Amino acid sequence: MTTPENKPPVLVYGIEYQGKLHSDFELRLPTIGDNIAVFEVTDNSSMLAVNTALLARCLTKLGTIPAEEITVELLHKELVDDDYDVMWSALDALKKKRQQMNAAALTGA
């Protein structure tokens, strides 16, 4: 049985690309390198801009959009604020999952 906690995250409004809406996505954890790169390519005047650039780097899948087309420019143009919240929450959940895995490995659980 699938519970809401086990369902992969889905965007509420989706990203339009080549006339099609894309709503399913996958993220990876950001690295220090990602954080450094984001600050090098943004003007750092807005944490929203910095965080959106970080999301663009960490998205490994966004519907059927080719990976090389998942850019900060695409997100700036197409991402609705509610969908930003969905992505950011998914990133937080991914971090928590990694913490739990690490804690279990340390305790041998």
PDB file of N, CA and C in Angstrom:
ATOM      1  N   MET A   1       0.839  -1.184   0.000  1.00  0.00           N
ATOM      2  CA  MET A   1       0.000   0.000   0.000  1.00  0.00           C
ATOM      3  C   MET A   1       0.881   1.243   0.000  1.00  0.00           C
ATOM      4  N   THR A   2       0.567   2.198  -0.838  1.00  0.00           N
ATOM      5  CA  THR A   2       1.335   3.428  -0.917  1.00  0.00           C
ATOM      6  C   THR A   2       0.689   4.479  -0.023  1.00  0.00           C
ATOM      7  N   THR A   3       1.501   5.071   0.813  1.00  0.00           N
ATOM      8  CA  THR A   3       1.010   6.146   1.672  1.00  0.00           C
ATOM      9  C   THR A   3       1.467   7.476   1.089  1.00  0.00           C
ATOM     10  N   PRO A   4       0.850   8.588   1.507  1.00  0.00           N
ATOM     11  CA  PRO A   4       1.286   9.885   0.992  1.00  0.00           C
ATOM     12  C   PRO A   4       2.769  10.147   1.238  1.00  0.00           C
ATOM     13  N   GLU A   5       3.315   9.608   2.346  1.00  0.00           N
ATOM     14  CA  GLU A   5       4.725   9.831   2.648  1.00  0.00           C
ATOM     15  C   GLU A   5       5.635   9.113   1.658  1.00  0.00           C
ATOM     16  N   ASN A   6       5.148   8.027   1.051  1.00  0.00           N
ATOM     17  CA  ASN A   6       5.961   7.237   0.130  1.00  0.00           C
ATOM     18  C   ASN A   6       5.835   7.682  -1.321  1.00  0.00           C
ATOM     19  N   LYS A   7       4.866   8.524  -1.600  1.00  0.00           N
ATOM     20  CA  LYS A   7       4.672   8.968  -2.974  1.00  0.00           C
ATOM     21  C   LYS A   7       5.761   9.963  -3.360  1.00  0.00           C
ATOM     22  N   PRO A   8       6.263   9.845  -4.577  1.00  0.00           N
ATOM     23  CA  PRO A   8       7.243  10.839  -5.024  1.00  0.00           C
ATOM     24  C   PRO A   8       6.574  12.206  -5.148  1.00  0.00           C
ATOM     25  N   PRO A   9       7.335  13.261  -4.917  1.00  0.00           N
ATOM     26  CA  PRO A   9       6.748  14.602  -5.004  1.00  0.00           C
ATOM     27  C   PRO A   9       6.350  14.945  -6.441  1.00  0.00           C
ATOM     28  N   VAL A  10       5.300  15.727  -6.541  1.00  0.00           N
ATOM     29  CA  VAL A  10       4.789  16.165  -7.846  1.00  0.00           C
ATOM     30  C   VAL A  10       4.470  17.654  -7.745  1.00  0.00           C
ATOM     31  N   LEU A  11       4.836  18.390  -8.770  1.00  0.00           N
ATOM     32  CA  LEU A  11       4.539  19.819  -8.787  1.00  0.00           C
ATOM     33  C   LEU A  11       3.041  20.044  -8.939  1.00  0.00           C
ATOM     34  N   VAL A  12       2.562  21.110  -8.330  1.00  0.00           N
ATOM     35  CA  VAL A  12       1.141  21.446  -8.375  1.00  0.00           C
ATOM     36  C   VAL A  12       0.751  21.983  -9.754  1.00  0.00           C
ATOM     37  N   TYR A  13       1.560  22.878 -10.290  1.00  0.00           N
ATOM     38  CA  TYR A  13       1.245  23.530 -11.566  1.00  0.00           C
ATOM     39  C   TYR A  13       2.106  23.038 -12.719  1.00  0.00           C
ATOM     40  N   GLY A  14       3.285  22.559 -12.418  1.00  0.00           N
ATOM     41  CA  GLY A  14       4.161  22.030 -13.448  1.00  0.00           C
ATOM     42  C   GLY A  14       4.979  23.092 -14.166  1.00  0.00           C
ATOM     43  N   ILE A  15       5.923  22.611 -14.927  1.00  0.00           N
ATOM     44  CA  ILE A  15       6.809  23.447 -15.749  1.00  0.00           C
ATOM     45  C   ILE A  15       6.438  23.192 -17.203  1.00  0.00           C
ATOM     46  N   GLU A  16       6.139  24.263 -17.917  1.00  0.00           N
ATOM     47  CA  GLU A  16       5.840  24.103 -19.339  1.00  0.00           C
ATOM     48  C   GLU A  16       7.137  24.098 -20.127  1.00  0.00           C
ATOM     49  N   TYR A  17       7.271  23.088 -20.977  1.00  0.00           N
ATOM     50  CA  TYR A  17       8.444  22.963 -21.847  1.00  0.00           C
ATOM     51  C   TYR A  17       7.977  22.344 -23.149  1.00  0.00           C
ATOM     52  N   GLN A  18       8.215  23.054 -24.230  1.00  0.00           N
ATOM     53  CA  GLN A  18       7.822  22.624 -25.571  1.00  0.00           C
ATOM     54  C   GLN A  18       6.351  22.222 -25.629  1.00  0.00           C
ATOM     55  N   GLY A  19       5.511  23.043 -25.011  1.00  0.00           N
ATOM     56  CA  GLY A  19       4.068  22.863 -25.093  1.00  0.00           C
ATOM     57  C   GLY A  19       3.483  21.785 -24.203  1.00  0.00           C
ATOM     58  N   LYS A  20       4.311  21.197 -23.347  1.00  0.00           N
ATOM     59  CA  LYS A  20       3.840  20.136 -22.457  1.00  0.00           C
ATOM     60  C   LYS A  20       4.168  20.504 -21.019  1.00  0.00           C
ATOM     61  N   LEU A  21       3.249  20.151 -20.086  1.00  0.00           N
ATOM     62  CA  LEU A  21       3.506  20.379 -18.672  1.00  0.00           C
ATOM     63  C   LEU A  21       4.231  19.177 -18.076  1.00  0.00           C
ATOM     64  N   HIS A  22       5.236  19.464 -17.269  1.00  0.00           N
ATOM     65  CA  HIS A  22       6.050  18.443 -16.613  1.00  0.00           C
ATOM     66  C   HIS A  22       5.925  18.649 -15.113  1.00  0.00           C
ATOM     67  N   SER A  23       5.493  17.606 -14.396  1.00  0.00           N
ATOM     68  CA  SER A  23       5.210  17.757 -12.973  1.00  0.00           C
ATOM     69  C   SER A  23       6.007  16.835 -12.061  1.00  0.00           C
ATOM     70  N   ASP A  24       6.452  15.690 -12.564  1.00  0.00           N
ATOM     71  CA  ASP A  24       7.212  14.794 -11.703  1.00  0.00           C
ATOM     72  C   ASP A  24       8.681  15.199 -11.748  1.00  0.00           C
ATOM     73  N   PHE A  25       9.346  15.054 -10.618  1.00  0.00           N
ATOM     74  CA  PHE A  25      10.747  15.484 -10.548  1.00  0.00           C
ATOM     75  C   PHE A  25      11.501  14.662  -9.519  1.00  0.00           C
ATOM     76  N   GLU A  26      12.811  14.686  -9.668  1.00  0.00           N
ATOM     77  CA  GLU A  26      13.709  14.049  -8.710  1.00  0.00           C
ATOM     78  C   GLU A  26      14.860  15.001  -8.436  1.00  0.00           C
ATOM     79  N   LEU A  27      15.298  15.001  -7.185  1.00  0.00           N
ATOM     80  CA  LEU A  27      16.404  15.855  -6.759  1.00  0.00           C
ATOM     81  C   LEU A  27      17.514  15.005  -6.157  1.00  0.00           C
ATOM     82  N   ARG A  28      18.709  15.533  -6.185  1.00  0.00           N
ATOM     83  CA  ARG A  28      19.822  14.958  -5.437  1.00  0.00           C
ATOM     84  C   ARG A  28      20.234  15.990  -4.387  1.00  0.00           C
ATOM     85  N   LEU A  29      20.972  15.538  -3.396  1.00  0.00           N
ATOM     86  CA  LEU A  29      21.445  16.461  -2.373  1.00  0.00           C
ATOM     87  C   LEU A  29      22.459  17.442  -2.962  1.00  0.00           C
ATOM     88  N   PRO A  30      22.377  18.704  -2.580  1.00  0.00           N
ATOM     89  CA  PRO A  30      23.373  19.668  -3.051  1.00  0.00           C
ATOM     90  C   PRO A  30      24.709  19.455  -2.341  1.00  0.00           C
ATOM     91  N   THR A  31      25.771  19.681  -3.071  1.00  0.00           N
ATOM     92  CA  THR A  31      27.119  19.578  -2.521  1.00  0.00           C
ATOM     93  C   THR A  31      27.662  20.980  -2.253  1.00  0.00           C
ATOM     94  N   ILE A  32      28.782  21.030  -1.590  1.00  0.00           N
ATOM     95  CA  ILE A  32      29.455  22.317  -1.382  1.00  0.00           C
ATOM     96  C   ILE A  32      29.781  22.943  -2.743  1.00  0.00           C
ATOM     97  N   GLY A  33      30.193  22.112  -3.689  1.00  0.00           N
ATOM     98  CA  GLY A  33      30.481  22.616  -5.037  1.00  0.00           C
ATOM     99  C   GLY A  33      29.272  23.277  -5.677  1.00  0.00           C
ATOM    100  N   ASP A  34      28.096  22.680  -5.472  1.00  0.00           N
ATOM    101  CA  ASP A  34      26.866  23.296  -5.990  1.00  0.00           C
ATOM    102  C   ASP A  34      26.647  24.666  -5.354  1.00  0.00           C
ATOM    103  N   ASN A  35      26.829  24.737  -4.051  1.00  0.00           N
ATOM    104  CA  ASN A  35      26.625  26.005  -3.349  1.00  0.00           C
ATOM    105  C   ASN A  35      27.603  27.073  -3.820  1.00  0.00           C
ATOM    106  N   ILE A  36      28.847  26.699  -3.997  1.00  0.00           N
ATOM    107  CA  ILE A  36      29.844  27.659  -4.480  1.00  0.00           C
ATOM    108  C   ILE A  36      29.489  28.123  -5.892  1.00  0.00           C
ATOM    109  N   ALA A  37      29.153  27.179  -6.761  1.00  0.00           N
ATOM    110  CA  ALA A  37      28.813  27.524  -8.147  1.00  0.00           C
ATOM    111  C   ALA A  37      27.623  28.464  -8.217  1.00  0.00           C
ATOM    112  N   VAL A  38      26.637  28.228  -7.366  1.00  0.00           N
ATOM    113  CA  VAL A  38      25.442  29.080  -7.367  1.00  0.00           C
ATOM    114  C   VAL A  38      25.809  30.512  -7.009  1.00  0.00           C
ATOM    115  N   PHE A  39      26.650  30.686  -6.016  1.00  0.00           N
ATOM    116  CA  PHE A  39      27.035  32.037  -5.630  1.00  0.00           C
ATOM    117  C   PHE A  39      27.906  32.707  -6.690  1.00  0.00           C
ATOM    118  N   GLU A  40      28.595  31.909  -7.489  1.00  0.00           N
ATOM    119  CA  GLU A  40      29.417  32.469  -8.569  1.00  0.00           C
ATOM    120  C   GLU A  40      28.578  32.942  -9.753  1.00  0.00           C
ATOM    121  N   VAL A  41      27.394  32.356  -9.949  1.00  0.00           N
ATOM    122  CA  VAL A  41      26.582  32.711 -11.115  1.00  0.00           C
ATOM    123  C   VAL A  41      25.392  33.610 -10.789  1.00  0.00           C
ATOM    124  N   THR A  42      25.153  33.881  -9.515  1.00  0.00           N
ATOM    125  CA  THR A  42      24.066  34.791  -9.142  1.00  0.00           C
ATOM    126  C   THR A  42      24.678  36.055  -8.568  1.00  0.00           C
ATOM    127  N   ASP A  43      23.861  37.098  -8.499  1.00  0.00           N
ATOM    128  CA  ASP A  43      24.369  38.344  -7.913  1.00  0.00           C
ATOM    129  C   ASP A  43      24.195  38.374  -6.397  1.00  0.00           C
ATOM    130  N   ASN A  44      23.670  37.289  -5.833  1.00  0.00           N
ATOM    131  CA  ASN A  44      23.514  37.128  -4.386  1.00  0.00           C
ATOM    132  C   ASN A  44      22.592  38.156  -3.740  1.00  0.00           C
ATOM    133  N   SER A  45      21.850  38.902  -4.528  1.00  0.00           N
ATOM    134  CA  SER A  45      20.979  39.928  -3.961  1.00  0.00           C
ATOM    135  C   SER A  45      19.681  39.348  -3.420  1.00  0.00           C
ATOM    136  N   SER A  46      19.369  38.109  -3.802  1.00  0.00           N
ATOM    137  CA  SER A  46      18.120  37.487  -3.380  1.00  0.00           C
ATOM    138  C   SER A  46      18.373  36.026  -3.047  1.00  0.00           C
ATOM    139  N   MET A  47      18.005  35.621  -1.841  1.00  0.00           N
ATOM    140  CA  MET A  47      18.150  34.206  -1.480  1.00  0.00           C
ATOM    141  C   MET A  47      17.221  33.335  -2.321  1.00  0.00           C
ATOM    142  N   LEU A  48      16.112  33.899  -2.766  1.00  0.00           N
ATOM    143  CA  LEU A  48      15.215  33.147  -3.640  1.00  0.00           C
ATOM    144  C   LEU A  48      15.926  32.806  -4.951  1.00  0.00           C
ATOM    145  N   ALA A  49      16.652  33.776  -5.502  1.00  0.00           N
ATOM    146  CA  ALA A  49      17.404  33.525  -6.737  1.00  0.00           C
ATOM    147  C   ALA A  49      18.503  32.495  -6.502  1.00  0.00           C
ATOM    148  N   VAL A  50      19.192  32.591  -5.386  1.00  0.00           N
ATOM    149  CA  VAL A  50      20.252  31.639  -5.047  1.00  0.00           C
ATOM    150  C   VAL A  50      19.658  30.241  -4.881  1.00  0.00           C
ATOM    151  N   ASN A  51      18.561  30.143  -4.138  1.00  0.00           N
ATOM    152  CA  ASN A  51      17.939  28.840  -3.900  1.00  0.00           C
ATOM    153  C   ASN A  51      17.372  28.235  -5.182  1.00  0.00           C
ATOM    154  N   THR A  52      16.833  29.056  -6.063  1.00  0.00           N
ATOM    155  CA  THR A  52      16.315  28.553  -7.334  1.00  0.00           C
ATOM    156  C   THR A  52      17.454  28.016  -8.197  1.00  0.00           C
ATOM    157  N   ALA A  53      18.568  28.717  -8.196  1.00  0.00           N
ATOM    158  CA  ALA A  53      19.738  28.241  -8.935  1.00  0.00           C
ATOM    159  C   ALA A  53      20.236  26.914  -8.350  1.00  0.00           C
ATOM    160  N   LEU A  54      20.177  26.783  -7.033  1.00  0.00           N
ATOM    161  CA  LEU A  54      20.582  25.529  -6.392  1.00  0.00           C
ATOM    162  C   LEU A  54      19.639  24.392  -6.788  1.00  0.00           C
ATOM    163  N   LEU A  55      18.343  24.668  -6.799  1.00  0.00           N
ATOM    164  CA  LEU A  55      17.384  23.653  -7.233  1.00  0.00           C
ATOM    165  C   LEU A  55      17.665  23.214  -8.670  1.00  0.00           C
ATOM    166  N   ALA A  56      17.948  24.172  -9.541  1.00  0.00           N
ATOM    167  CA  ALA A  56      18.226  23.842 -10.948  1.00  0.00           C
ATOM    168  C   ALA A  56      19.416  22.895 -11.051  1.00  0.00           C
ATOM    169  N   ARG A  57      20.436  23.110 -10.224  1.00  0.00           N
ATOM    170  CA  ARG A  57      21.620  22.236 -10.248  1.00  0.00           C
ATOM    171  C   ARG A  57      21.319  20.846  -9.690  1.00  0.00           C
ATOM    172  N   CYS A  58      20.368  20.755  -8.754  1.00  0.00           N
ATOM    173  CA  CYS A  58      20.100  19.489  -8.059  1.00  0.00           C
ATOM    174  C   CYS A  58      18.979  18.670  -8.688  1.00  0.00           C
ATOM    175  N   LEU A  59      18.257  19.245  -9.623  1.00  0.00           N
ATOM    176  CA  LEU A  59      17.201  18.484 -10.303  1.00  0.00           C
ATOM    177  C   LEU A  59      17.843  17.454 -11.226  1.00  0.00           C
ATOM    178  N   THR A  60      17.557  16.198 -10.983  1.00  0.00           N
ATOM    179  CA  THR A  60      18.084  15.139 -11.847  1.00  0.00           C
ATOM    180  C   THR A  60      17.041  14.688 -12.857  1.00  0.00           C
ATOM    181  N   LYS A  61      15.780  15.056 -12.598  1.00  0.00           N
ATOM    182  CA  LYS A  61      14.685  14.707 -13.507  1.00  0.00           C
ATOM    183  C   LYS A  61      13.582  15.728 -13.327  1.00  0.00           C
ATOM    184  N   LEU A  62      13.028  16.166 -14.439  1.00  0.00           N
ATOM    185  CA  LEU A  62      11.869  17.049 -14.435  1.00  0.00           C
ATOM    186  C   LEU A  62      11.000  16.651 -15.624  1.00  0.00           C
ATOM    187  N   GLY A  63      10.069  15.747 -15.335  1.00  0.00           N
ATOM    188  CA  GLY A  63       9.265  15.183 -16.419  1.00  0.00           C
ATOM    189  C   GLY A  63      10.169  14.536 -17.436  1.00  0.00           C
ATOM    190  N   THR A  64       9.936  14.868 -18.706  1.00  0.00           N
ATOM    191  CA  THR A  64      10.778  14.327 -19.776  1.00  0.00           C
ATOM    192  C   THR A  64      11.691  15.397 -20.375  1.00  0.00           C
ATOM    193  N   ILE A  65      11.871  16.482 -19.646  1.00  0.00           N
ATOM    194  CA  ILE A  65      12.766  17.554 -20.111  1.00  0.00           C
ATOM    195  C   ILE A  65      14.196  17.018 -20.094  1.00  0.00           C
ATOM    196  N   PRO A  66      14.929  17.177 -21.187  1.00  0.00           N
ATOM    197  CA  PRO A  66      16.330  16.726 -21.189  1.00  0.00           C
ATOM    198  C   PRO A  66      17.115  17.429 -20.075  1.00  0.00           C
ATOM    199  N   ALA A  67      17.996  16.690 -19.427  1.00  0.00           N
ATOM    200  CA  ALA A  67      18.748  17.220 -18.282  1.00  0.00           C
ATOM    201  C   ALA A  67      19.454  18.536 -18.599  1.00  0.00           C
ATOM    202  N   GLU A  68      20.014  18.636 -19.786  1.00  0.00           N
ATOM    203  CA  GLU A  68      20.760  19.856 -20.136  1.00  0.00           C
ATOM    204  C   GLU A  68      19.848  21.067 -20.325  1.00  0.00           C
ATOM    205  N   GLU A  69      18.557  20.837 -20.434  1.00  0.00           N
ATOM    206  CA  GLU A  69      17.588  21.931 -20.587  1.00  0.00           C
ATOM    207  C   GLU A  69      16.995  22.384 -19.247  1.00  0.00           C
ATOM    208  N   ILE A  70      17.309  21.672 -18.176  1.00  0.00           N
ATOM    209  CA  ILE A  70      16.830  22.058 -16.839  1.00  0.00           C
ATOM    210  C   ILE A  70      17.815  23.092 -16.297  1.00  0.00           C
ATOM    211  N   THR A  71      17.485  24.342 -16.503  1.00  0.00           N
ATOM    212  CA  THR A  71      18.380  25.439 -16.157  1.00  0.00           C
ATOM    213  C   THR A  71      17.688  26.410 -15.215  1.00  0.00           C
ATOM    214  N   VAL A  72      18.497  27.253 -14.611  1.00  0.00           N
ATOM    215  CA  VAL A  72      17.930  28.293 -13.752  1.00  0.00           C
ATOM    216  C   VAL A  72      17.041  29.229 -14.573  1.00  0.00           C
ATOM    217  N   GLU A  73      17.400  29.461 -15.821  1.00  0.00           N
ATOM    218  CA  GLU A  73      16.580  30.319 -16.680  1.00  0.00           C
ATOM    219  C   GLU A  73      15.195  29.704 -16.893  1.00  0.00           C
ATOM    220  N   LEU A  74      15.151  28.397 -17.110  1.00  0.00           N
ATOM    221  CA  LEU A  74      13.866  27.713 -17.272  1.00  0.00           C
ATOM    222  C   LEU A  74      13.026  27.855 -16.006  1.00  0.00           C
ATOM    223  N   LEU A  75      13.648  27.623 -14.855  1.00  0.00           N
ATOM    224  CA  LEU A  75      12.909  27.749 -13.602  1.00  0.00           C
ATOM    225  C   LEU A  75      12.449  29.181 -13.360  1.00  0.00           C
ATOM    226  N   HIS A  76      13.304  30.151 -13.642  1.00  0.00           N
ATOM    227  CA  HIS A  76      12.905  31.553 -13.477  1.00  0.00           C
ATOM    228  C   HIS A  76      11.693  31.886 -14.343  1.00  0.00           C
ATOM    229  N   LYS A  77      11.660  31.329 -15.532  1.00  0.00           N
ATOM    230  CA  LYS A  77      10.578  31.630 -16.471  1.00  0.00           C
ATOM    231  C   LYS A  77       9.293  30.860 -16.167  1.00  0.00           C
ATOM    232  N   GLU A  78       9.407  29.622 -15.714  1.00  0.00           N
ATOM    233  CA  GLU A  78       8.238  28.740 -15.647  1.00  0.00           C
ATOM    234  C   GLU A  78       7.800  28.307 -14.243  1.00  0.00           C
ATOM    235  N   LEU A  79       8.670  28.401 -13.247  1.00  0.00           N
ATOM    236  CA  LEU A  79       8.355  27.860 -11.926  1.00  0.00           C
ATOM    237  C   LEU A  79       7.420  28.784 -11.152  1.00  0.00           C
ATOM    238  N   VAL A  80       6.279  28.238 -10.720  1.00  0.00           N
ATOM    239  CA  VAL A  80       5.307  28.967  -9.905  1.00  0.00           C
ATOM    240  C   VAL A  80       5.752  28.866  -8.446  1.00  0.00           C
ATOM    241  N   ASP A  81       5.453  29.901  -7.654  1.00  0.00           N
ATOM    242  CA  ASP A  81       5.948  29.920  -6.279  1.00  0.00           C
ATOM    243  C   ASP A  81       5.498  28.717  -5.458  1.00  0.00           C
ATOM    244  N   ASP A  82       4.290  28.230  -5.646  1.00  0.00           N
ATOM    245  CA  ASP A  82       3.842  27.032  -4.917  1.00  0.00           C
ATOM    246  C   ASP A  82       4.678  25.810  -5.292  1.00  0.00           C
ATOM    247  N   ASP A  83       5.074  25.719  -6.558  1.00  0.00           N
ATOM    248  CA  ASP A  83       5.905  24.608  -6.989  1.00  0.00           C
ATOM    249  C   ASP A  83       7.334  24.736  -6.454  1.00  0.00           C
ATOM    250  N   TYR A  84       7.804  25.965  -6.305  1.00  0.00           N
ATOM    251  CA  TYR A  84       9.102  26.194  -5.648  1.00  0.00           C
ATOM    252  C   TYR A  84       9.049  25.606  -4.243  1.00  0.00           C
ATOM    253  N   ASP A  85       7.953  25.876  -3.535  1.00  0.00           N
ATOM    254  CA  ASP A  85       7.793  25.356  -2.176  1.00  0.00           C
ATOM    255  C   ASP A  85       7.795  23.828  -2.161  1.00  0.00           C
ATOM    256  N   VAL A  86       7.137  23.208  -3.149  1.00  0.00           N
ATOM    257  CA  VAL A  86       7.113  21.742  -3.246  1.00  0.00           C
ATOM    258  C   VAL A  86       8.538  21.212  -3.430  1.00  0.00           C
ATOM    259  N   MET A  87       9.298  21.835  -4.322  1.00  0.00           N
ATOM    260  CA  MET A  87      10.665  21.387  -4.565  1.00  0.00           C
ATOM    261  C   MET A  87      11.541  21.570  -3.327  1.00  0.00           C
ATOM    262  N   TRP A  88      11.405  22.720  -2.681  1.00  0.00           N
ATOM    263  CA  TRP A  88      12.243  22.997  -1.510  1.00  0.00           C
ATOM    264  C   TRP A  88      11.901  22.034  -0.368  1.00  0.00           C
ATOM    265  N   SER A  89      10.619  21.728  -0.216  1.00  0.00           N
ATOM    266  CA  SER A  89      10.192  20.755   0.800  1.00  0.00           C
ATOM    267  C   SER A  89      10.750  19.362   0.475  1.00  0.00           C
ATOM    268  N   ALA A  90      10.763  19.014  -0.801  1.00  0.00           N
ATOM    269  CA  ALA A  90      11.313  17.720  -1.214  1.00  0.00           C
ATOM    270  C   ALA A  90      12.812  17.650  -0.912  1.00  0.00           C
ATOM    271  N   LEU A  91      13.505  18.756  -1.099  1.00  0.00           N
ATOM    272  CA  LEU A  91      14.933  18.799  -0.789  1.00  0.00           C
ATOM    273  C   LEU A  91      15.147  18.637   0.720  1.00  0.00           C
ATOM    274  N   ASP A  92      14.328  19.305   1.520  1.00  0.00           N
ATOM    275  CA  ASP A  92      14.407  19.142   2.977  1.00  0.00           C
ATOM    276  C   ASP A  92      14.144  17.697   3.382  1.00  0.00           C
ATOM    277  N   ALA A  93      13.141  17.069   2.766  1.00  0.00           N
ATOM    278  CA  ALA A  93      12.813  15.675   3.070  1.00  0.00           C
ATOM    279  C   ALA A  93      13.972  14.751   2.695  1.00  0.00           C
ATOM    280  N   LEU A  94      14.635  15.047   1.584  1.00  0.00           N
ATOM    281  CA  LEU A  94      15.780  14.249   1.156  1.00  0.00           C
ATOM    282  C   LEU A  94      16.920  14.350   2.174  1.00  0.00           C
ATOM    283  N   LYS A  95      17.147  15.551   2.689  1.00  0.00           N
ATOM    284  CA  LYS A  95      18.183  15.742   3.711  1.00  0.00           C
ATOM    285  C   LYS A  95      17.838  14.962   4.986  1.00  0.00           C
ATOM    286  N   LYS A  96      16.576  15.025   5.397  1.00  0.00           N
ATOM    287  CA  LYS A  96      16.148  14.296   6.596  1.00  0.00           C
ATOM    288  C   LYS A  96      16.304  12.796   6.402  1.00  0.00           C
ATOM    289  N   LYS A  97      15.962  12.313   5.225  1.00  0.00           N
ATOM    290  CA  LYS A  97      16.104  10.885   4.935  1.00  0.00           C
ATOM    291  C   LYS A  97      17.566  10.471   5.037  1.00  0.00           C
ATOM    292  N   ARG A  98      18.454  11.289   4.509  1.00  0.00           N
ATOM    293  CA  ARG A  98      19.897  10.988   4.583  1.00  0.00           C
ATOM    294  C   ARG A  98      20.363  10.983   6.032  1.00  0.00           C
ATOM    295  N   GLN A  99      19.886  11.934   6.842  1.00  0.00           N
ATOM    296  CA  GLN A  99      20.246  11.960   8.255  1.00  0.00           C
ATOM    297  C   GLN A  99      19.799  10.692   8.953  1.00  0.00           C
ATOM    298  N   GLN A 100      18.588  10.252   8.669  1.00  0.00           N
ATOM    299  CA  GLN A 100      18.053   9.047   9.296  1.00  0.00           C
ATOM    300  C   GLN A 100      18.843   7.818   8.873  1.00  0.00           C
ATOM    301  N   MET A 101      19.232   7.759   7.611  1.00  0.00           N
ATOM    302  CA  MET A 101      20.040   6.641   7.137  1.00  0.00           C
ATOM    303  C   MET A 101      21.399   6.634   7.838  1.00  0.00           C
ATOM    304  N   ASN A 102      21.957   7.801   8.006  1.00  0.00           N
ATOM    305  CA  ASN A 102      23.263   7.920   8.661  1.00  0.00           C
ATOM    306  C   ASN A 102      23.145   7.514  10.128  1.00  0.00           C
ATOM    307  N   ALA A 103      22.104   7.995  10.793  1.00  0.00           N
ATOM    308  CA  ALA A 103      21.904   7.653  12.198  1.00  0.00           C
ATOM    309  C   ALA A 103      21.699   6.149  12.355  1.00  0.00           C
ATOM    310  N   ALA A 104      20.936   5.540  11.469  1.00  0.00           N
ATOM    311  CA  ALA A 104      20.709   4.091  11.535  1.00  0.00           C
ATOM    312  C   ALA A 104      22.007   3.331  11.309  1.00  0.00           C
ATOM    313  N   ALA A 105      22.831   3.810  10.396  1.00  0.00           N
ATOM    314  CA  ALA A 105      24.101   3.142  10.125  1.00  0.00           C
ATOM    315  C   ALA A 105      25.033   3.244  11.331  1.00  0.00           C
ATOM    316  N   LEU A 106      25.011   4.367  12.007  1.00  0.00           N
ATOM    317  CA  LEU A 106      25.876   4.558  13.167  1.00  0.00           C
ATOM    318  C   LEU A 106      25.450   3.716  14.363  1.00  0.00           C
ATOM    319  N   THR A 107      24.131   3.517  14.498  1.00  0.00           N
ATOM    320  CA  THR A 107      23.620   2.742  15.633  1.00  0.00           C
ATOM    321  C   THR A 107      23.465   1.268  15.301  1.00  0.00           C
ATOM    322  N   GLY A 108      23.631   0.926  14.029  1.00  0.00           N
ATOM    323  CA  GLY A 108      23.490  -0.454  13.606  1.00  0.00           C
ATOM    324  C   GLY A 108      22.057  -0.921  13.524  1.00  0.00           C
ATOM    325  N   ALA A 109      21.140   0.029  13.465  1.00  0.00           N
ATOM    326  CA  ALA A 109      19.700  -0.317  13.400  1.00  0.00           C
ATOM    327  C   ALA A 109      19.295  -0.699  12.000  1.00  0.00           C
TER     328      ALA A 109
END
